Amino acid sequence: MTLKVAYFQPSILAIDTVPPVQFSQIFSLAETLHSHPELNDSDNPFISIRGGQQIQVYPNQLNIDVGWLVKWIESICQGYMDLVSQQSGTEDLKMCKPVVTSIWTIRQFAGQYQEMHSHPAGNLSGNIYISAPELANDSKASDSQILFRLPHTKDVSKFIMNDTWKYSPTPGTVIVFPSHLPHTVYPWQGEGHRTVMAFDARLVPKDE
């Protein structure tokens, strides 16, 4: 007997590789922005980072054209929506399109972290990983990882097998996730920095 699998109400987190051309552009953009410490927004009490730099990418104060980045992120979000539509067998998302509302870049060093938070301004969010630290030899497996808190508590008797998902920052990858999922980033000890470009997108009717 061969069982076929159906998924109902899953939390879908997607991972992809950033094409080399886009990654080179994103890397250069992040380096340019992080060379402007006056743009650092880390002291804003309404953002989750604890230490490091957070700088707005879109829109930005330097009049840098990032239309290419917005277009590429929207294509990644559309791919996520197509995947969900295919796996769920529903047509609802085909009436919508993703529109990027905000992009920002974060750079953090040893001992710095992000508190548990979600993105209430978005429907879809994501992280593009630009650099990852070199961890100390005695590091824990979770050091520098991002952890997502899934909406259901683990309960094997109900076949709910996980209530968290962790991912280690891997330069050149992008993850996409529903904006409502709470997540945190663990601190670490070691050399280098963790640099990401994060984004929010809203779903709007296709005719807008």
Foldseek 3Di string as FASTA:
>chain_A
DDDDDADDPDFDKDKDFAPPVVLVVVLVLVVVQLVDQVQFPVVPPPFFKDAFGKHWVVPHPVPDDPVVVQVVVQVVVVVVLVVCCVRNVDCVLVQKGKGWDTKMKTKHDAPIKTDWDFAVVAFKKKKAWADAFDADPPKDPQAQKKKWAAPDDDDVVVPRHDGMDIDHRDHRMMMMGGRGIIMITHGGDGDDITMIMMTGIYIDGPVD
